[in-house]
């Protein structure tokens, strides 16, 4: 059953599928505690719940929260779905696995305005790291020893910086999956700006997606 994705809620795409693939190969303890941040339709949270995990899902969009709750109800899967900013609703808890598919597309300056509306699901500041750096900084405190963060983002938003930050926080981190995909509507629309910044070669029409796996040592 495909999750419902009403207008204004990020529909599962190539990045969702890539992270779902990483999730399917991740060994999980029985009754694992899983956190899905930026859950959108709840697609990844549902995949974790189907494995018997206890799942908490979070999104800053109230429309996404209600959509994820509806999709969980349709699937008959119990999940805690909370409205809030990134990790705020999960403070004070620890998880065996954190899933994150945050906004990561570099966006032209907009006079300091925070992304809003549908663009909040993909726009991530000039360097694409509006939330990525926060995830790298804050996720380690929410992992059990031996716990894992699975994070997907674009090669345009500096995977090397992600690895550096996570390793500086004491995690063992590496890129475990890569996939090149055709540009979607957002990247096609701003490709000229990305080329001007030197982030895209003149003839490039595909984006590399990466999954970073980071583990907190026991």
N, C-alpha and C. Protein backbone atom coordinates (compact mmCIF):
# COMPACT_ATOMS: atom_id res chain seq x y z
N UNK A 1 0.85 -1.19 0.00
CA UNK A 1 0.00 0.00 0.00
C UNK A 1 0.89 1.25 0.00
N UNK A 2 0.77 2.06 -1.05
CA UNK A 2 1.54 3.29 -1.12
C UNK A 2 0.94 4.34 -0.18
N UNK A 3 1.80 5.10 0.52
CA UNK A 3 1.26 6.12 1.42
C UNK A 3 0.59 7.25 0.65
N UNK A 4 -0.45 7.81 1.25
CA UNK A 4 -1.07 8.99 0.69
C UNK A 4 -0.09 10.16 0.79
N UNK A 5 -0.07 11.02 -0.24
CA UNK A 5 0.81 12.17 -0.26
C UNK A 5 0.03 13.37 -0.79
N UNK A 6 -0.75 14.04 0.06
CA UNK A 6 -1.55 15.18 -0.39
C UNK A 6 -0.66 16.37 -0.74
N UNK A 7 -1.21 17.34 -1.47
CA UNK A 7 -0.43 18.54 -1.79
C UNK A 7 0.14 19.19 -0.53
N UNK A 8 1.38 19.64 -0.64
CA UNK A 8 2.02 20.28 0.50
C UNK A 8 2.80 19.35 1.40
N UNK A 9 2.74 18.02 1.12
CA UNK A 9 3.50 17.04 1.89
C UNK A 9 4.48 16.35 0.94
N UNK A 10 5.73 16.27 1.36
CA UNK A 10 6.78 15.70 0.50
C UNK A 10 6.47 14.25 0.17
N UNK A 11 6.30 13.98 -1.11
CA UNK A 11 5.99 12.62 -1.56
C UNK A 11 7.27 11.79 -1.63
N UNK A 12 7.20 10.49 -1.31
CA UNK A 12 8.38 9.64 -1.41
C UNK A 12 8.99 9.69 -2.81
N UNK A 13 10.31 9.89 -2.87
CA UNK A 13 11.02 9.99 -4.13
C UNK A 13 12.27 9.13 -4.07
N UNK A 14 13.23 9.42 -4.96
CA UNK A 14 14.44 8.60 -5.06
C UNK A 14 15.21 8.57 -3.75
N UNK A 15 15.26 9.71 -3.05
CA UNK A 15 16.00 9.73 -1.78
C UNK A 15 15.32 8.85 -0.73
N UNK A 16 13.99 8.86 -0.72
CA UNK A 16 13.24 7.99 0.19
C UNK A 16 13.55 6.53 -0.10
N UNK A 17 13.54 6.17 -1.40
CA UNK A 17 13.80 4.78 -1.79
C UNK A 17 15.21 4.36 -1.42
N UNK A 18 16.18 5.25 -1.59
CA UNK A 18 17.56 4.91 -1.27
C UNK A 18 17.71 4.68 0.23
N UNK A 19 17.10 5.54 1.04
CA UNK A 19 17.18 5.37 2.49
C UNK A 19 16.41 4.13 2.94
N UNK A 20 15.30 3.84 2.28
CA UNK A 20 14.55 2.62 2.60
C UNK A 20 15.39 1.39 2.31
N UNK A 21 16.19 1.44 1.24
CA UNK A 21 17.07 0.33 0.95
C UNK A 21 18.12 0.13 2.02
N UNK A 22 18.67 1.24 2.51
CA UNK A 22 19.64 1.15 3.61
C UNK A 22 18.99 0.59 4.86
N UNK A 23 17.77 1.03 5.14
CA UNK A 23 17.03 0.52 6.30
C UNK A 23 16.80 -0.98 6.19
N UNK A 24 16.48 -1.46 5.00
CA UNK A 24 16.17 -2.88 4.84
C UNK A 24 17.38 -3.77 5.12
N UNK A 25 18.58 -3.21 4.99
CA UNK A 25 19.80 -4.00 5.22
C UNK A 25 20.39 -3.75 6.61
N UNK A 26 19.74 -2.89 7.38
CA UNK A 26 20.28 -2.56 8.71
C UNK A 26 19.78 -3.57 9.74
N UNK A 27 20.69 -4.30 10.41
CA UNK A 27 20.23 -5.22 11.47
C UNK A 27 19.67 -4.42 12.64
N UNK A 28 18.51 -4.84 13.11
CA UNK A 28 17.87 -4.14 14.22
C UNK A 28 17.59 -5.13 15.35
N UNK A 29 17.79 -4.71 16.59
CA UNK A 29 17.43 -5.59 17.71
C UNK A 29 15.91 -5.76 17.77
N UNK A 30 15.49 -6.82 18.42
CA UNK A 30 14.05 -7.04 18.60
C UNK A 30 13.46 -5.87 19.37
N UNK A 31 12.30 -5.40 18.92
CA UNK A 31 11.63 -4.26 19.56
C UNK A 31 12.53 -3.02 19.58
N UNK A 32 13.24 -2.78 18.48
CA UNK A 32 14.12 -1.61 18.40
C UNK A 32 13.32 -0.33 18.52
N UNK A 33 13.93 0.67 19.13
CA UNK A 33 13.36 2.01 19.18
C UNK A 33 13.92 2.80 18.01
N UNK A 34 13.02 3.27 17.13
CA UNK A 34 13.42 3.97 15.90
C UNK A 34 12.80 5.36 15.89
N UNK A 35 13.60 6.34 15.49
CA UNK A 35 13.14 7.72 15.33
C UNK A 35 13.28 8.11 13.87
N UNK A 36 12.20 8.62 13.29
CA UNK A 36 12.21 9.11 11.91
C UNK A 36 11.94 10.61 11.95
N UNK A 37 12.95 11.42 11.64
CA UNK A 37 12.78 12.88 11.68
C UNK A 37 12.54 13.41 10.27
N UNK A 38 11.61 14.36 10.17
CA UNK A 38 11.18 14.82 8.86
C UNK A 38 10.42 13.74 8.14
N UNK A 39 9.45 13.17 8.82
CA UNK A 39 8.81 11.94 8.33
C UNK A 39 7.98 12.13 7.07
N UNK A 40 7.46 13.33 6.80
CA UNK A 40 6.65 13.54 5.60
C UNK A 40 5.40 12.67 5.62
N UNK A 41 5.26 11.81 4.64
CA UNK A 41 4.10 10.92 4.58
C UNK A 41 4.18 9.79 5.60
N UNK A 42 5.37 9.61 6.21
CA UNK A 42 5.57 8.49 7.13
C UNK A 42 6.08 7.24 6.43
N UNK A 43 6.52 7.34 5.18
CA UNK A 43 6.90 6.15 4.41
C UNK A 43 8.02 5.37 5.10
N UNK A 44 9.06 6.06 5.56
CA UNK A 44 10.18 5.36 6.20
C UNK A 44 9.80 4.85 7.57
N UNK A 45 9.02 5.63 8.29
CA UNK A 45 8.54 5.18 9.60
C UNK A 45 7.72 3.91 9.47
N UNK A 46 6.89 3.85 8.45
CA UNK A 46 6.08 2.65 8.21
C UNK A 46 6.96 1.45 7.89
N UNK A 47 8.02 1.67 7.10
CA UNK A 47 8.94 0.57 6.77
C UNK A 47 9.59 0.02 8.03
N UNK A 48 9.95 0.92 8.95
CA UNK A 48 10.54 0.46 10.22
C UNK A 48 9.51 -0.25 11.08
N UNK A 49 8.29 0.26 11.11
CA UNK A 49 7.24 -0.36 11.93
C UNK A 49 6.90 -1.76 11.42
N UNK A 50 6.99 -1.97 10.12
CA UNK A 50 6.70 -3.30 9.57
C UNK A 50 7.72 -4.34 10.03
N UNK A 51 8.87 -3.87 10.51
CA UNK A 51 9.88 -4.79 11.03
C UNK A 51 9.69 -5.05 12.53
N UNK A 52 8.62 -4.52 13.10
CA UNK A 52 8.35 -4.75 14.50
C UNK A 52 8.96 -3.73 15.43
N UNK A 53 9.52 -2.67 14.88
CA UNK A 53 10.16 -1.64 15.72
C UNK A 53 9.12 -0.75 16.37
N UNK A 54 9.51 -0.16 17.50
CA UNK A 54 8.72 0.89 18.13
C UNK A 54 9.16 2.21 17.51
N UNK A 55 8.24 2.85 16.79
CA UNK A 55 8.62 3.97 15.94
C UNK A 55 8.03 5.27 16.46
N UNK A 56 8.89 6.28 16.54
CA UNK A 56 8.47 7.66 16.77
C UNK A 56 8.80 8.45 15.51
N UNK A 57 7.84 9.18 14.99
CA UNK A 57 8.04 9.98 13.78
C UNK A 57 7.74 11.44 14.09
N UNK A 58 8.55 12.33 13.51
CA UNK A 58 8.44 13.77 13.81
C UNK A 58 8.45 14.56 12.51
N UNK A 59 7.65 15.60 12.47
CA UNK A 59 7.73 16.54 11.35
C UNK A 59 7.32 17.93 11.84
N UNK A 60 7.94 18.96 11.25
CA UNK A 60 7.63 20.34 11.61
C UNK A 60 6.33 20.80 10.94
N UNK A 61 5.90 20.06 9.91
CA UNK A 61 4.68 20.40 9.19
C UNK A 61 3.48 19.68 9.81
N UNK A 62 2.49 20.44 10.24
CA UNK A 62 1.29 19.81 10.81
C UNK A 62 0.56 18.99 9.76
N UNK A 63 0.58 19.43 8.52
CA UNK A 63 -0.07 18.66 7.46
C UNK A 63 0.61 17.31 7.29
N UNK A 64 1.96 17.30 7.38
CA UNK A 64 2.69 16.04 7.29
C UNK A 64 2.36 15.13 8.47
N UNK A 65 2.26 15.70 9.65
CA UNK A 65 1.94 14.89 10.84
C UNK A 65 0.59 14.21 10.67
N UNK A 66 -0.41 14.95 10.23
CA UNK A 66 -1.73 14.35 10.05
C UNK A 66 -1.72 13.33 8.92
N UNK A 67 -0.93 13.59 7.87
CA UNK A 67 -0.82 12.62 6.78
C UNK A 67 -0.18 11.33 7.26
N UNK A 68 0.91 11.44 8.01
CA UNK A 68 1.59 10.25 8.53
C UNK A 68 0.66 9.46 9.45
N UNK A 69 -0.12 10.16 10.27
CA UNK A 69 -1.06 9.47 11.16
C UNK A 69 -2.11 8.73 10.35
N UNK A 70 -2.59 9.34 9.29
CA UNK A 70 -3.58 8.68 8.45
C UNK A 70 -2.97 7.45 7.76
N UNK A 71 -1.74 7.58 7.27
CA UNK A 71 -1.10 6.45 6.61
C UNK A 71 -0.82 5.31 7.59
N UNK A 72 -0.48 5.64 8.82
CA UNK A 72 -0.27 4.61 9.83
C UNK A 72 -1.59 3.89 10.13
N UNK A 73 -2.67 4.65 10.20
CA UNK A 73 -3.99 4.07 10.45
C UNK A 73 -4.39 3.14 9.30
N UNK A 74 -4.16 3.59 8.07
CA UNK A 74 -4.49 2.77 6.90
C UNK A 74 -3.69 1.46 6.89
N UNK A 75 -2.44 1.55 7.35
CA UNK A 75 -1.58 0.37 7.35
C UNK A 75 -1.79 -0.51 8.57
N UNK A 76 -2.52 -0.01 9.56
CA UNK A 76 -2.75 -0.79 10.77
C UNK A 76 -1.49 -0.96 11.61
N UNK A 77 -0.62 0.05 11.59
CA UNK A 77 0.65 -0.03 12.30
C UNK A 77 0.71 1.03 13.40
N UNK A 78 1.05 0.65 14.63
CA UNK A 78 1.13 1.63 15.71
C UNK A 78 2.42 2.46 15.61
N UNK A 79 2.28 3.77 15.68
CA UNK A 79 3.43 4.66 15.68
C UNK A 79 3.10 5.89 16.52
N UNK A 80 4.10 6.45 17.14
CA UNK A 80 3.97 7.76 17.78
C UNK A 80 4.38 8.81 16.77
N UNK A 81 3.48 9.70 16.43
CA UNK A 81 3.76 10.71 15.41
C UNK A 81 3.56 12.08 16.05
N UNK A 82 4.63 12.87 16.09
CA UNK A 82 4.64 14.12 16.85
C UNK A 82 4.97 15.30 15.95
N UNK A 83 4.36 16.43 16.27
CA UNK A 83 4.69 17.69 15.60
C UNK A 83 5.81 18.38 16.36
N UNK A 84 6.83 18.85 15.64
CA UNK A 84 7.90 19.56 16.31
C UNK A 84 9.09 19.78 15.41
N UNK A 85 10.04 20.54 15.92
CA UNK A 85 11.23 20.92 15.18
C UNK A 85 12.33 19.88 15.37
N UNK A 86 12.59 19.11 14.35
CA UNK A 86 13.65 18.13 14.32
C UNK A 86 13.59 17.19 15.52
N UNK A 87 14.56 17.26 16.44
CA UNK A 87 14.63 16.31 17.55
C UNK A 87 13.87 16.76 18.80
N UNK A 88 13.28 17.95 18.78
CA UNK A 88 12.68 18.49 20.01
C UNK A 88 11.68 17.54 20.66
N UNK A 89 10.76 16.91 19.92
CA UNK A 89 9.79 16.03 20.58
C UNK A 89 10.39 14.75 21.16
N UNK A 90 11.67 14.48 20.85
CA UNK A 90 12.29 13.22 21.30
C UNK A 90 13.38 13.46 22.34
N UNK A 91 13.51 14.68 22.84
CA UNK A 91 14.56 14.97 23.81
C UNK A 91 14.39 14.08 25.04
N UNK A 92 15.51 13.64 25.59
CA UNK A 92 15.49 12.82 26.78
C UNK A 92 15.31 11.34 26.53
N UNK A 93 15.16 10.96 25.27
CA UNK A 93 15.03 9.55 24.92
C UNK A 93 16.25 9.09 24.13
N UNK A 94 16.42 7.78 24.00
CA UNK A 94 17.53 7.24 23.21
C UNK A 94 16.97 6.18 22.26
N UNK A 95 17.61 6.05 21.11
CA UNK A 95 17.09 5.21 20.04
C UNK A 95 18.18 4.28 19.51
N UNK A 96 17.71 3.14 18.99
CA UNK A 96 18.61 2.21 18.33
C UNK A 96 18.91 2.64 16.90
N UNK A 97 17.98 3.38 16.30
CA UNK A 97 18.15 3.83 14.92
C UNK A 97 17.46 5.17 14.74
N UNK A 98 18.14 6.10 14.09
CA UNK A 98 17.55 7.37 13.67
C UNK A 98 17.60 7.43 12.15
N UNK A 99 16.46 7.71 11.54
CA UNK A 99 16.34 7.89 10.09
C UNK A 99 16.14 9.37 9.81
N UNK A 100 16.84 9.90 8.81
CA UNK A 100 16.70 11.32 8.50
C UNK A 100 16.81 11.55 7.00
N UNK A 101 15.77 12.12 6.44
CA UNK A 101 15.76 12.58 5.05
C UNK A 101 15.37 14.06 5.08
N UNK A 102 16.32 14.92 5.48
CA UNK A 102 15.98 16.34 5.70
C UNK A 102 16.03 17.14 4.41
N UNK A 103 15.57 18.38 4.45
CA UNK A 103 15.84 19.28 3.32
C UNK A 103 17.36 19.40 3.12
N UNK A 104 17.80 19.38 1.84
CA UNK A 104 19.25 19.44 1.60
C UNK A 104 19.61 20.14 0.28
N UNK A 105 18.64 20.73 -0.40
CA UNK A 105 18.93 21.36 -1.69
C UNK A 105 19.44 22.78 -1.47
N UNK A 106 20.64 23.11 -1.98
CA UNK A 106 21.10 24.50 -1.88
C UNK A 106 20.10 25.44 -2.54
N UNK A 107 19.89 26.57 -1.89
CA UNK A 107 18.87 27.52 -2.37
C UNK A 107 19.46 28.92 -2.45
N UNK A 108 19.09 29.69 -3.46
CA UNK A 108 19.59 31.07 -3.56
C UNK A 108 19.19 31.88 -2.34
N UNK A 109 19.97 32.89 -1.98
CA UNK A 109 19.64 33.73 -0.83
C UNK A 109 18.26 34.35 -0.97
N UNK A 110 17.56 34.45 0.17
CA UNK A 110 16.20 35.02 0.15
C UNK A 110 16.05 36.02 1.29
N UNK A 111 17.05 36.91 1.41
CA UNK A 111 17.02 37.95 2.45
C UNK A 111 16.89 37.37 3.84
N UNK A 112 17.48 36.20 4.06
CA UNK A 112 17.47 35.61 5.39
C UNK A 112 16.18 34.93 5.77
N UNK A 113 15.23 34.87 4.83
CA UNK A 113 13.94 34.26 5.17
C UNK A 113 14.08 32.76 5.35
N UNK A 114 13.39 32.22 6.34
CA UNK A 114 13.36 30.77 6.55
C UNK A 114 12.43 30.16 5.52
N UNK A 115 12.80 29.03 4.91
CA UNK A 115 11.90 28.40 3.94
C UNK A 115 10.52 28.15 4.53
N UNK A 116 9.50 28.30 3.69
CA UNK A 116 8.14 28.07 4.17
C UNK A 116 7.33 27.44 3.05
N UNK A 117 6.13 26.95 3.40
CA UNK A 117 5.29 26.28 2.42
C UNK A 117 5.95 24.99 1.95
N UNK A 118 5.58 24.52 0.76
CA UNK A 118 6.14 23.27 0.26
C UNK A 118 7.67 23.28 0.18
N UNK A 119 8.28 24.45 -0.08
CA UNK A 119 9.74 24.53 -0.22
C UNK A 119 10.46 24.17 1.07
N UNK A 120 9.75 24.21 2.18
CA UNK A 120 10.37 23.83 3.46
C UNK A 120 10.83 22.38 3.44
N UNK A 121 10.28 21.57 2.54
CA UNK A 121 10.66 20.15 2.47
C UNK A 121 11.95 19.93 1.70
N UNK A 122 12.47 20.96 0.98
CA UNK A 122 13.71 20.74 0.23
C UNK A 122 14.71 21.88 0.34
N UNK A 123 14.28 23.13 0.47
CA UNK A 123 15.24 24.24 0.54
C UNK A 123 16.01 24.21 1.85
N UNK A 124 17.35 24.36 1.75
CA UNK A 124 18.18 24.19 2.94
C UNK A 124 19.33 25.20 3.00
N UNK A 125 19.03 26.44 2.61
CA UNK A 125 20.04 27.48 2.70
C UNK A 125 21.05 27.43 1.56
N UNK A 126 21.93 28.39 1.55
CA UNK A 126 22.86 28.57 0.43
C UNK A 126 23.75 27.35 0.21
N UNK A 127 24.12 26.65 1.29
CA UNK A 127 25.01 25.49 1.14
C UNK A 127 24.28 24.16 1.29
N UNK A 128 22.97 24.20 1.46
CA UNK A 128 22.19 22.96 1.59
C UNK A 128 22.30 22.30 2.95
N UNK A 129 22.86 23.00 3.93
CA UNK A 129 23.14 22.36 5.21
C UNK A 129 22.39 23.01 6.38
N UNK A 130 21.27 23.65 6.08
CA UNK A 130 20.49 24.31 7.12
C UNK A 130 20.14 23.36 8.25
N UNK A 131 19.77 22.12 7.92
CA UNK A 131 19.45 21.12 8.93
C UNK A 131 20.51 20.03 9.05
N UNK A 132 21.30 19.82 8.02
CA UNK A 132 22.29 18.75 8.07
C UNK A 132 23.28 18.96 9.22
N UNK A 133 23.75 20.18 9.41
CA UNK A 133 24.71 20.43 10.48
C UNK A 133 24.07 20.23 11.85
N UNK A 134 22.80 20.59 11.98
CA UNK A 134 22.09 20.35 13.24
C UNK A 134 21.95 18.86 13.52
N UNK A 135 21.63 18.10 12.50
CA UNK A 135 21.50 16.65 12.68
C UNK A 135 22.82 16.05 13.13
N UNK A 136 23.90 16.44 12.46
CA UNK A 136 25.22 15.93 12.85
C UNK A 136 25.56 16.29 14.29
N UNK A 137 25.15 17.45 14.71
CA UNK A 137 25.48 17.93 16.05
C UNK A 137 24.60 17.31 17.13
N UNK A 138 23.32 17.12 16.82
CA UNK A 138 22.35 16.75 17.86
C UNK A 138 22.01 15.27 17.90
N UNK A 139 22.15 14.56 16.79
CA UNK A 139 21.74 13.15 16.75
C UNK A 139 22.53 12.27 17.71
N UNK A 140 23.84 12.45 17.87
CA UNK A 140 24.57 11.52 18.73
C UNK A 140 24.02 11.41 20.14
N UNK A 141 23.48 12.48 20.69
CA UNK A 141 22.96 12.46 22.06
C UNK A 141 21.68 11.64 22.17
N UNK A 142 21.07 11.28 21.03
CA UNK A 142 19.82 10.52 21.06
C UNK A 142 20.01 9.06 20.67
N UNK A 143 21.26 8.61 20.56
CA UNK A 143 21.53 7.23 20.19
C UNK A 143 21.96 6.42 21.41
N UNK A 144 21.43 5.18 21.50
CA UNK A 144 21.99 4.21 22.43
C UNK A 144 23.41 3.87 21.99
N UNK A 145 24.29 3.43 22.91
CA UNK A 145 25.56 2.86 22.46
C UNK A 145 25.29 1.73 21.45
N UNK A 146 25.97 1.78 20.33
CA UNK A 146 25.70 0.84 19.25
C UNK A 146 24.59 1.30 18.32
N UNK A 147 23.96 2.42 18.65
CA UNK A 147 22.89 2.95 17.81
C UNK A 147 23.42 3.56 16.52
N UNK A 148 22.53 3.66 15.52
CA UNK A 148 22.93 4.05 14.18
C UNK A 148 22.06 5.21 13.67
N UNK A 149 22.71 6.14 13.01
CA UNK A 149 22.04 7.18 12.24
C UNK A 149 22.17 6.84 10.77
N UNK A 150 21.04 6.81 10.05
CA UNK A 150 21.03 6.69 8.59
C UNK A 150 20.49 7.99 8.02
N UNK A 151 21.32 8.66 7.25
CA UNK A 151 21.01 10.01 6.77
C UNK A 151 21.22 10.06 5.26
N UNK A 152 20.22 10.56 4.53
CA UNK A 152 20.35 10.69 3.08
C UNK A 152 20.41 12.17 2.72
N UNK A 153 21.29 12.49 1.78
CA UNK A 153 21.28 13.85 1.23
C UNK A 153 22.02 13.89 -0.10
N UNK A 154 22.07 15.05 -0.69
CA UNK A 154 22.65 15.22 -2.02
C UNK A 154 24.16 15.40 -1.94
N UNK A 155 24.83 14.94 -3.00
CA UNK A 155 26.25 15.23 -3.12
C UNK A 155 26.53 16.72 -3.25
N UNK A 156 25.51 17.51 -3.59
CA UNK A 156 25.67 18.96 -3.70
C UNK A 156 25.82 19.63 -2.35
N UNK A 157 25.46 18.92 -1.27
CA UNK A 157 25.49 19.52 0.06
C UNK A 157 26.62 18.95 0.93
N UNK A 158 27.70 18.52 0.26
CA UNK A 158 28.98 18.23 0.91
C UNK A 158 28.94 17.04 1.88
N UNK A 159 28.86 15.81 1.36
CA UNK A 159 28.92 14.64 2.23
C UNK A 159 30.18 14.58 3.08
N UNK A 160 31.31 15.09 2.55
CA UNK A 160 32.54 15.08 3.33
C UNK A 160 32.41 15.86 4.62
N UNK A 161 31.70 16.96 4.56
CA UNK A 161 31.48 17.76 5.78
C UNK A 161 30.61 17.00 6.77
N UNK A 162 29.63 16.27 6.26
CA UNK A 162 28.79 15.43 7.13
C UNK A 162 29.65 14.41 7.86
N UNK A 163 30.51 13.72 7.13
CA UNK A 163 31.36 12.72 7.75
C UNK A 163 32.29 13.34 8.79
N UNK A 164 32.86 14.49 8.48
CA UNK A 164 33.77 15.16 9.41
C UNK A 164 33.06 15.51 10.71
N UNK A 165 31.86 16.08 10.61
CA UNK A 165 31.11 16.48 11.80
C UNK A 165 30.73 15.27 12.65
N UNK A 166 30.26 14.21 12.00
CA UNK A 166 29.83 13.03 12.74
C UNK A 166 31.01 12.35 13.43
N UNK A 167 32.12 12.27 12.74
CA UNK A 167 33.31 11.67 13.35
C UNK A 167 33.82 12.51 14.50
N UNK A 168 33.71 13.83 14.38
CA UNK A 168 34.13 14.72 15.47
C UNK A 168 33.26 14.53 16.70
N UNK A 169 32.03 14.03 16.49
CA UNK A 169 31.12 13.76 17.61
C UNK A 169 31.33 12.36 18.19
N UNK A 170 32.31 11.63 17.67
CA UNK A 170 32.62 10.32 18.21
C UNK A 170 31.96 9.16 17.51
N UNK A 171 31.29 9.41 16.38
CA UNK A 171 30.63 8.33 15.65
C UNK A 171 31.54 7.77 14.57
N UNK A 172 31.36 6.50 14.26
CA UNK A 172 32.01 5.88 13.11
C UNK A 172 31.10 6.12 11.91
N UNK A 173 31.58 6.88 10.93
CA UNK A 173 30.70 7.32 9.84
C UNK A 173 31.32 7.03 8.49
N UNK A 174 30.46 6.62 7.54
CA UNK A 174 30.91 6.40 6.16
C UNK A 174 29.71 6.51 5.23
N UNK A 175 29.99 6.75 3.96
CA UNK A 175 28.95 6.71 2.92
C UNK A 175 28.79 5.25 2.51
N UNK A 176 27.58 4.73 2.66
CA UNK A 176 27.35 3.31 2.38
C UNK A 176 26.56 3.06 1.10
N UNK A 177 25.84 4.05 0.61
CA UNK A 177 25.10 3.90 -0.64
C UNK A 177 25.21 5.19 -1.44
N UNK A 178 25.27 5.03 -2.76
CA UNK A 178 25.25 6.17 -3.67
C UNK A 178 24.33 5.85 -4.84
N UNK A 179 23.66 6.86 -5.33
CA UNK A 179 22.83 6.66 -6.53
C UNK A 179 22.76 7.97 -7.30
N UNK A 180 22.95 7.88 -8.60
CA UNK A 180 22.81 9.06 -9.46
C UNK A 180 21.43 9.06 -10.09
N UNK A 181 20.75 10.19 -9.99
CA UNK A 181 19.37 10.28 -10.46
C UNK A 181 19.21 11.53 -11.32
N UNK A 182 18.29 11.51 -12.28
CA UNK A 182 18.04 12.72 -13.07
C UNK A 182 17.55 13.86 -12.19
N UNK A 183 17.84 15.09 -12.61
CA UNK A 183 17.34 16.24 -11.87
C UNK A 183 15.82 16.21 -11.79
N UNK A 184 15.31 16.54 -10.62
CA UNK A 184 13.89 16.78 -10.47
C UNK A 184 13.57 18.22 -10.79
N UNK A 185 12.30 18.63 -10.64
CA UNK A 185 11.89 19.99 -11.00
C UNK A 185 12.67 21.09 -10.26
N UNK A 186 12.98 20.88 -8.98
CA UNK A 186 13.65 21.92 -8.21
C UNK A 186 15.06 22.16 -8.73
N UNK A 187 15.83 21.09 -8.93
CA UNK A 187 17.19 21.26 -9.43
C UNK A 187 17.22 21.77 -10.86
N UNK A 188 16.28 21.34 -11.68
CA UNK A 188 16.23 21.87 -13.04
C UNK A 188 16.02 23.38 -13.02
N UNK A 189 15.15 23.82 -12.11
CA UNK A 189 14.82 25.25 -12.06
C UNK A 189 16.00 26.09 -11.60
N UNK A 190 16.84 25.55 -10.72
CA UNK A 190 17.94 26.36 -10.19
C UNK A 190 19.31 25.87 -10.67
N UNK A 191 19.35 25.08 -11.74
CA UNK A 191 20.63 24.55 -12.22
C UNK A 191 21.58 25.66 -12.65
N UNK A 192 21.05 26.72 -13.26
CA UNK A 192 21.93 27.82 -13.70
C UNK A 192 22.63 28.46 -12.49
N UNK A 193 21.89 28.65 -11.42
CA UNK A 193 22.49 29.23 -10.21
C UNK A 193 23.54 28.29 -9.63
N UNK A 194 23.27 26.99 -9.62
CA UNK A 194 24.22 26.03 -9.09
C UNK A 194 25.48 25.99 -9.96
N UNK A 195 25.33 26.13 -11.27
CA UNK A 195 26.50 26.16 -12.15
C UNK A 195 27.33 27.42 -11.91
N UNK A 196 26.65 28.55 -11.70
CA UNK A 196 27.36 29.79 -11.41
C UNK A 196 28.19 29.67 -10.14
N UNK A 197 27.71 28.90 -9.18
CA UNK A 197 28.44 28.71 -7.92
C UNK A 197 29.51 27.63 -8.02
N UNK A 198 29.61 26.96 -9.16
CA UNK A 198 30.60 25.93 -9.33
C UNK A 198 30.22 24.61 -8.71
N UNK A 199 28.95 24.43 -8.36
CA UNK A 199 28.49 23.18 -7.76
C UNK A 199 28.11 22.14 -8.81
N UNK A 200 27.89 22.60 -10.05
CA UNK A 200 27.51 21.69 -11.13
C UNK A 200 28.37 21.95 -12.35
N UNK A 201 28.93 20.89 -12.96
CA UNK A 201 29.58 21.08 -14.26
C UNK A 201 28.54 21.51 -15.30
N UNK A 202 29.03 22.13 -16.35
CA UNK A 202 28.13 22.70 -17.36
C UNK A 202 27.24 21.65 -17.99
N UNK A 203 27.74 20.41 -18.15
CA UNK A 203 26.98 19.40 -18.87
C UNK A 203 26.30 18.39 -17.94
N UNK A 204 26.31 18.64 -16.63
CA UNK A 204 25.74 17.67 -15.67
C UNK A 204 24.23 17.81 -15.59
N UNK A 205 23.53 16.69 -15.74
CA UNK A 205 22.07 16.69 -15.64
C UNK A 205 21.58 15.66 -14.64
N UNK A 206 22.50 15.14 -13.83
CA UNK A 206 22.13 14.14 -12.83
C UNK A 206 22.71 14.54 -11.47
N UNK A 207 22.00 14.13 -10.44
CA UNK A 207 22.40 14.43 -9.07
C UNK A 207 22.80 13.13 -8.38
N UNK A 208 23.86 13.20 -7.58
CA UNK A 208 24.24 12.05 -6.77
C UNK A 208 23.60 12.15 -5.39
N UNK A 209 22.90 11.09 -4.99
CA UNK A 209 22.38 10.97 -3.64
C UNK A 209 23.26 10.02 -2.85
N UNK A 210 23.44 10.30 -1.57
CA UNK A 210 24.27 9.43 -0.73
C UNK A 210 23.53 9.10 0.56
N UNK A 211 23.79 7.92 1.08
CA UNK A 211 23.35 7.56 2.43
C UNK A 211 24.59 7.48 3.31
N UNK A 212 24.57 8.24 4.39
CA UNK A 212 25.63 8.19 5.39
C UNK A 212 25.14 7.33 6.55
N UNK A 213 25.97 6.37 6.93
CA UNK A 213 25.69 5.54 8.10
C UNK A 213 26.68 5.90 9.19
N UNK A 214 26.18 6.27 10.36
CA UNK A 214 27.03 6.66 11.47
C UNK A 214 26.61 5.88 12.72
N UNK A 215 27.58 5.25 13.37
CA UNK A 215 27.30 4.39 14.53
C UNK A 215 28.00 4.93 15.76
N UNK A 216 27.27 4.97 16.87
CA UNK A 216 27.86 5.35 18.16
C UNK A 216 28.51 4.13 18.79
N UNK A 217 29.81 4.14 19.01
CA UNK A 217 30.47 2.95 19.56
C UNK A 217 29.89 2.55 20.91
N UNK A 218 29.93 1.25 21.18
CA UNK A 218 29.43 0.75 22.47
C UNK A 218 30.43 1.07 23.57
